[in-house]
Amino acid sequence: MERNVWRKASASGGNGGQCVEVMVTHDAVKVRDTKDAGAGPVHVYTHAEWNAFVDGVKKGEFDL
């Protein structure tokens, strides 16, 4: 995956800006809300934290 580029899921299409963007850098994964157009907060996670989150999502740990 190319680094230092904000990416949005293609499935988020025309949902009125209700999605997030993710950027992978050398030492972190950054997440922001697309509707803030870059002016809002950016959450920063280590690669280990991000991988644990993605693993939990895949395993259904956050399902309601």
PDB file of N, CA and C in Angstrom:
ATOM      1  N   MET A   1       0.844  -1.183   0.000  1.00  0.00           N
ATOM      2  CA  MET A   1       0.000   0.000   0.000  1.00  0.00           C
ATOM      3  C   MET A   1       0.886   1.242   0.000  1.00  0.00           C
ATOM      4  N   GLU A   2       0.510   2.194  -0.834  1.00  0.00           N
ATOM      5  CA  GLU A   2       1.254   3.450  -0.884  1.00  0.00           C
ATOM      6  C   GLU A   2       1.099   4.185   0.444  1.00  0.00           C
ATOM      7  N   ARG A   3       2.179   4.756   0.919  1.00  0.00           N
ATOM      8  CA  ARG A   3       2.156   5.459   2.198  1.00  0.00           C
ATOM      9  C   ARG A   3       1.967   6.961   2.005  1.00  0.00           C
ATOM     10  N   ASN A   4       1.579   7.616   3.089  1.00  0.00           N
ATOM     11  CA  ASN A   4       1.425   9.072   3.142  1.00  0.00           C
ATOM     12  C   ASN A   4       0.364   9.612   2.183  1.00  0.00           C
ATOM     13  N   VAL A   5      -0.683   8.816   1.946  1.00  0.00           N
ATOM     14  CA  VAL A   5      -1.803   9.235   1.113  1.00  0.00           C
ATOM     15  C   VAL A   5      -3.087   8.930   1.868  1.00  0.00           C
ATOM     16  N   TRP A   6      -3.971   9.921   1.998  1.00  0.00           N
ATOM     17  CA  TRP A   6      -5.264   9.683   2.637  1.00  0.00           C
ATOM     18  C   TRP A   6      -6.103   8.805   1.726  1.00  0.00           C
ATOM     19  N   ARG A   7      -6.694   7.745   2.286  1.00  0.00           N
ATOM     20  CA  ARG A   7      -7.514   6.822   1.504  1.00  0.00           C
ATOM     21  C   ARG A   7      -8.879   6.667   2.158  1.00  0.00           C
ATOM     22  N   LYS A   8      -9.894   6.562   1.310  1.00  0.00           N
ATOM     23  CA  LYS A   8     -11.269   6.353   1.758  1.00  0.00           C
ATOM     24  C   LYS A   8     -11.773   5.094   1.078  1.00  0.00           C
ATOM     25  N   ALA A   9     -12.546   4.296   1.782  1.00  0.00           N
ATOM     26  CA  ALA A   9     -13.089   3.069   1.201  1.00  0.00           C
ATOM     27  C   ALA A   9     -13.946   3.386  -0.013  1.00  0.00           C
ATOM     28  N   SER A  10     -13.773   2.637  -1.087  1.00  0.00           N
ATOM     29  CA  SER A  10     -14.575   2.864  -2.289  1.00  0.00           C
ATOM     30  C   SER A  10     -16.058   2.622  -2.017  1.00  0.00           C
ATOM     31  N   ALA A  11     -16.371   1.784  -1.038  1.00  0.00           N
ATOM     32  CA  ALA A  11     -17.763   1.490  -0.692  1.00  0.00           C
ATOM     33  C   ALA A  11     -18.446   2.673  -0.008  1.00  0.00           C
ATOM     34  N   SER A  12     -17.680   3.680   0.418  1.00  0.00           N
ATOM     35  CA  SER A  12     -18.290   4.816   1.122  1.00  0.00           C
ATOM     36  C   SER A  12     -18.958   5.793   0.164  1.00  0.00           C
ATOM     37  N   GLY A  13     -18.666   5.729  -1.115  1.00  0.00           N
ATOM     38  CA  GLY A  13     -19.329   6.481  -2.184  1.00  0.00           C
ATOM     39  C   GLY A  13     -20.057   7.742  -1.782  1.00  0.00           C
ATOM     40  N   GLY A  14     -21.358   7.817  -2.101  1.00  0.00           N
ATOM     41  CA  GLY A  14     -22.147   9.019  -1.854  1.00  0.00           C
ATOM     42  C   GLY A  14     -22.953   8.939  -0.583  1.00  0.00           C
ATOM     43  N   ASN A  15     -22.307   8.767   0.534  1.00  0.00           N
ATOM     44  CA  ASN A  15     -23.042   8.623   1.791  1.00  0.00           C
ATOM     45  C   ASN A  15     -23.097   9.917   2.595  1.00  0.00           C
ATOM     46  N   GLY A  16     -22.909  11.045   1.962  1.00  0.00           N
ATOM     47  CA  GLY A  16     -23.023  12.316   2.674  1.00  0.00           C
ATOM     48  C   GLY A  16     -21.858  12.621   3.586  1.00  0.00           C
ATOM     49  N   GLY A  17     -20.687  12.060   3.325  1.00  0.00           N
ATOM     50  CA  GLY A  17     -19.511  12.362   4.132  1.00  0.00           C
ATOM     51  C   GLY A  17     -19.439  11.617   5.436  1.00  0.00           C
ATOM     52  N   GLN A  18     -20.202  10.561   5.571  1.00  0.00           N
ATOM     53  CA  GLN A  18     -20.196   9.795   6.816  1.00  0.00           C
ATOM     54  C   GLN A  18     -19.216   8.629   6.724  1.00  0.00           C
ATOM     55  N   CYS A  19     -17.944   8.981   6.611  1.00  0.00           N
ATOM     56  CA  CYS A  19     -16.925   7.943   6.537  1.00  0.00           C
ATOM     57  C   CYS A  19     -15.620   8.516   7.083  1.00  0.00           C
ATOM     58  N   VAL A  20     -14.629   7.669   7.152  1.00  0.00           N
ATOM     59  CA  VAL A  20     -13.319   8.093   7.621  1.00  0.00           C
ATOM     60  C   VAL A  20     -12.287   7.839   6.535  1.00  0.00           C
ATOM     61  N   GLU A  21     -11.165   8.519   6.665  1.00  0.00           N
ATOM     62  CA  GLU A  21     -10.022   8.304   5.785  1.00  0.00           C
ATOM     63  C   GLU A  21      -8.875   7.788   6.633  1.00  0.00           C
ATOM     64  N   VAL A  22      -8.040   6.985   6.014  1.00  0.00           N
ATOM     65  CA  VAL A  22      -6.895   6.385   6.708  1.00  0.00           C
ATOM     66  C   VAL A  22      -5.632   6.682   5.920  1.00  0.00           C
ATOM     67  N   MET A  23      -4.565   7.016   6.642  1.00  0.00           N
ATOM     68  CA  MET A  23      -3.253   7.215   6.026  1.00  0.00           C
ATOM     69  C   MET A  23      -2.236   6.345   6.762  1.00  0.00           C
ATOM     70  N   VAL A  24      -1.499   5.569   6.007  1.00  0.00           N
ATOM     71  CA  VAL A  24      -0.428   4.755   6.584  1.00  0.00           C
ATOM     72  C   VAL A  24       0.888   5.485   6.350  1.00  0.00           C
ATOM     73  N   THR A  25       1.639   5.716   7.419  1.00  0.00           N
ATOM     74  CA  THR A  25       2.953   6.328   7.316  1.00  0.00           C
ATOM     75  C   THR A  25       3.988   5.315   7.780  1.00  0.00           C
ATOM     76  N   HIS A  26       5.227   5.712   7.764  1.00  0.00           N
ATOM     77  CA  HIS A  26       6.307   4.809   8.171  1.00  0.00           C
ATOM     78  C   HIS A  26       6.128   4.300   9.598  1.00  0.00           C
ATOM     79  N   ASP A  27       5.696   5.176  10.496  1.00  0.00           N
ATOM     80  CA  ASP A  27       5.644   4.792  11.905  1.00  0.00           C
ATOM     81  C   ASP A  27       4.256   4.834  12.544  1.00  0.00           C
ATOM     82  N   ALA A  28       3.195   5.105  11.737  1.00  0.00           N
ATOM     83  CA  ALA A  28       1.867   5.220  12.338  1.00  0.00           C
ATOM     84  C   ALA A  28       0.769   5.014  11.302  1.00  0.00           C
ATOM     85  N   VAL A  29      -0.439   4.869  11.825  1.00  0.00           N
ATOM     86  CA  VAL A  29      -1.644   4.864  10.995  1.00  0.00           C
ATOM     87  C   VAL A  29      -2.514   5.996  11.520  1.00  0.00           C
ATOM     88  N   LYS A  30      -2.935   6.881  10.611  1.00  0.00           N
ATOM     89  CA  LYS A  30      -3.706   8.051  10.999  1.00  0.00           C
ATOM     90  C   LYS A  30      -5.129   7.919  10.455  1.00  0.00           C
ATOM     91  N   VAL A  31      -6.097   8.375  11.255  1.00  0.00           N
ATOM     92  CA  VAL A  31      -7.508   8.270  10.885  1.00  0.00           C
ATOM     93  C   VAL A  31      -8.165   9.633  11.109  1.00  0.00           C
ATOM     94  N   ARG A  32      -8.981  10.059  10.129  1.00  0.00           N
ATOM     95  CA  ARG A  32      -9.703  11.326  10.277  1.00  0.00           C
ATOM     96  C   ARG A  32     -11.100  11.196   9.661  1.00  0.00           C
ATOM     97  N   ASP A  33     -11.972  12.092  10.052  1.00  0.00           N
ATOM     98  CA  ASP A  33     -13.338  12.152   9.537  1.00  0.00           C
ATOM     99  C   ASP A  33     -13.335  12.946   8.240  1.00  0.00           C
ATOM    100  N   THR A  34     -13.879  12.395   7.174  1.00  0.00           N
ATOM    101  CA  THR A  34     -13.842  13.074   5.883  1.00  0.00           C
ATOM    102  C   THR A  34     -14.637  14.369   5.857  1.00  0.00           C
ATOM    103  N   LYS A  35     -15.690  14.471   6.631  1.00  0.00           N
ATOM    104  CA  LYS A  35     -16.519  15.687   6.566  1.00  0.00           C
ATOM    105  C   LYS A  35     -15.806  16.911   7.138  1.00  0.00           C
ATOM    106  N   ASP A  36     -14.720  16.702   7.884  1.00  0.00           N
ATOM    107  CA  ASP A  36     -13.954  17.822   8.426  1.00  0.00           C
ATOM    108  C   ASP A  36     -12.983  18.411   7.404  1.00  0.00           C
ATOM    109  N   ALA A  37     -12.866  17.773   6.244  1.00  0.00           N
ATOM    110  CA  ALA A  37     -12.007  18.256   5.147  1.00  0.00           C
ATOM    111  C   ALA A  37     -10.590  18.576   5.609  1.00  0.00           C
ATOM    112  N   GLY A  38     -10.071  17.757   6.485  1.00  0.00           N
ATOM    113  CA  GLY A  38      -8.696  17.950   6.948  1.00  0.00           C
ATOM    114  C   GLY A  38      -8.533  18.949   8.068  1.00  0.00           C
ATOM    115  N   ALA A  39      -9.614  19.591   8.506  1.00  0.00           N
ATOM    116  CA  ALA A  39      -9.518  20.612   9.550  1.00  0.00           C
ATOM    117  C   ALA A  39      -9.777  20.051  10.946  1.00  0.00           C
ATOM    118  N   GLY A  40     -10.290  18.841  11.028  1.00  0.00           N
ATOM    119  CA  GLY A  40     -10.620  18.253  12.317  1.00  0.00           C
ATOM    120  C   GLY A  40      -9.467  17.464  12.912  1.00  0.00           C
ATOM    121  N   PRO A  41      -9.733  16.793  14.025  1.00  0.00           N
ATOM    122  CA  PRO A  41      -8.685  16.014  14.689  1.00  0.00           C
ATOM    123  C   PRO A  41      -8.268  14.797  13.866  1.00  0.00           C
ATOM    124  N   VAL A  42      -7.045  14.375  14.074  1.00  0.00           N
ATOM    125  CA  VAL A  42      -6.511  13.164  13.461  1.00  0.00           C
ATOM    126  C   VAL A  42      -6.111  12.221  14.594  1.00  0.00           C
ATOM    127  N   HIS A  43      -6.637  11.016  14.555  1.00  0.00           N
ATOM    128  CA  HIS A  43      -6.290  10.002  15.546  1.00  0.00           C
ATOM    129  C   HIS A  43      -5.086   9.234  15.016  1.00  0.00           C
ATOM    130  N   VAL A  44      -4.079   9.042  15.860  1.00  0.00           N
ATOM    131  CA  VAL A  44      -2.834   8.395  15.437  1.00  0.00           C
ATOM    132  C   VAL A  44      -2.635   7.119  16.241  1.00  0.00           C
ATOM    133  N   TYR A  45      -2.350   6.015  15.528  1.00  0.00           N
ATOM    134  CA  TYR A  45      -2.158   4.707  16.148  1.00  0.00           C
ATOM    135  C   TYR A  45      -0.853   4.082  15.654  1.00  0.00           C
ATOM    136  N   THR A  46      -0.240   3.287  16.501  1.00  0.00           N
ATOM    137  CA  THR A  46       0.922   2.527  16.050  1.00  0.00           C
ATOM    138  C   THR A  46       0.435   1.436  15.100  1.00  0.00           C
ATOM    139  N   HIS A  47       1.334   0.861  14.347  1.00  0.00           N
ATOM    140  CA  HIS A  47       0.950  -0.227  13.448  1.00  0.00           C
ATOM    141  C   HIS A  47       0.408  -1.412  14.249  1.00  0.00           C
ATOM    142  N   ALA A  48       0.985  -1.680  15.405  1.00  0.00           N
ATOM    143  CA  ALA A  48       0.507  -2.789  16.246  1.00  0.00           C
ATOM    144  C   ALA A  48      -0.917  -2.532  16.729  1.00  0.00           C
ATOM    145  N   GLU A  49      -1.203  -1.308  17.149  1.00  0.00           N
ATOM    146  CA  GLU A  49      -2.559  -0.964  17.592  1.00  0.00           C
ATOM    147  C   GLU A  49      -3.551  -1.107  16.442  1.00  0.00           C
ATOM    148  N   TRP A  50      -3.198  -0.600  15.281  1.00  0.00           N
ATOM    149  CA  TRP A  50      -4.084  -0.674  14.124  1.00  0.00           C
ATOM    150  C   TRP A  50      -4.338  -2.126  13.725  1.00  0.00           C
ATOM    151  N   ASN A  51      -3.284  -2.931  13.687  1.00  0.00           N
ATOM    152  CA  ASN A  51      -3.437  -4.339  13.320  1.00  0.00           C
ATOM    153  C   ASN A  51      -4.325  -5.080  14.314  1.00  0.00           C
ATOM    154  N   ALA A  52      -4.209  -4.762  15.610  1.00  0.00           N
ATOM    155  CA  ALA A  52      -5.063  -5.383  16.622  1.00  0.00           C
ATOM    156  C   ALA A  52      -6.526  -4.973  16.402  1.00  0.00           C
ATOM    157  N   PHE A  53      -6.760  -3.712  16.064  1.00  0.00           N
ATOM    158  CA  PHE A  53      -8.113  -3.236  15.784  1.00  0.00           C
ATOM    159  C   PHE A  53      -8.707  -3.953  14.576  1.00  0.00           C
ATOM    160  N   VAL A  54      -7.967  -3.996  13.483  1.00  0.00           N
ATOM    161  CA  VAL A  54      -8.450  -4.652  12.261  1.00  0.00           C
ATOM    162  C   VAL A  54      -8.717  -6.135  12.528  1.00  0.00           C
ATOM    163  N   ASP A  55      -7.850  -6.784  13.275  1.00  0.00           N
ATOM    164  CA  ASP A  55      -8.052  -8.192  13.624  1.00  0.00           C
ATOM    165  C   ASP A  55      -9.345  -8.368  14.419  1.00  0.00           C
ATOM    166  N   GLY A  56      -9.589  -7.466  15.376  1.00  0.00           N
ATOM    167  CA  GLY A  56     -10.819  -7.523  16.167  1.00  0.00           C
ATOM    168  C   GLY A  56     -12.071  -7.328  15.321  1.00  0.00           C
ATOM    169  N   VAL A  57     -11.993  -6.421  14.353  1.00  0.00           N
ATOM    170  CA  VAL A  57     -13.122  -6.197  13.446  1.00  0.00           C
ATOM    171  C   VAL A  57     -13.406  -7.463  12.657  1.00  0.00           C
ATOM    172  N   LYS A  58     -12.365  -8.076  12.113  1.00  0.00           N
ATOM    173  CA  LYS A  58     -12.521  -9.279  11.320  1.00  0.00           C
ATOM    174  C   LYS A  58     -13.097 -10.426  12.138  1.00  0.00           C
ATOM    175  N   LYS A  59     -12.791 -10.479  13.428  1.00  0.00           N
ATOM    176  CA  LYS A  59     -13.275 -11.542  14.303  1.00  0.00           C
ATOM    177  C   LYS A  59     -14.655 -11.246  14.892  1.00  0.00           C
ATOM    178  N   GLY A  60     -15.198 -10.059  14.610  1.00  0.00           N
ATOM    179  CA  GLY A  60     -16.520  -9.712  15.104  1.00  0.00           C
ATOM    180  C   GLY A  60     -16.559  -9.215  16.538  1.00  0.00           C
ATOM    181  N   GLU A  61     -15.416  -8.819  17.081  1.00  0.00           N
ATOM    182  CA  GLU A  61     -15.354  -8.384  18.481  1.00  0.00           C
ATOM    183  C   GLU A  61     -16.167  -7.112  18.750  1.00  0.00           C
ATOM    184  N   PHE A  62     -16.455  -6.344  17.728  1.00  0.00           N
ATOM    185  CA  PHE A  62     -17.171  -5.097  17.915  1.00  0.00           C
ATOM    186  C   PHE A  62     -18.621  -5.144  17.433  1.00  0.00           C
ATOM    187  N   ASP A  63     -19.063  -6.325  17.021  1.00  0.00           N
ATOM    188  CA  ASP A  63     -20.441  -6.470  16.562  1.00  0.00           C
ATOM    189  C   ASP A  63     -21.402  -6.204  17.716  1.00  0.00           C
ATOM    190  N   LEU A  64     -22.494  -5.543  17.432  1.00  0.00           N
ATOM    191  CA  LEU A  64     -23.495  -5.246  18.452  1.00  0.00           C
ATOM    192  C   LEU A  64     -24.410  -6.427  18.675  1.00  0.00           C
TER     193      LEU A  64
END
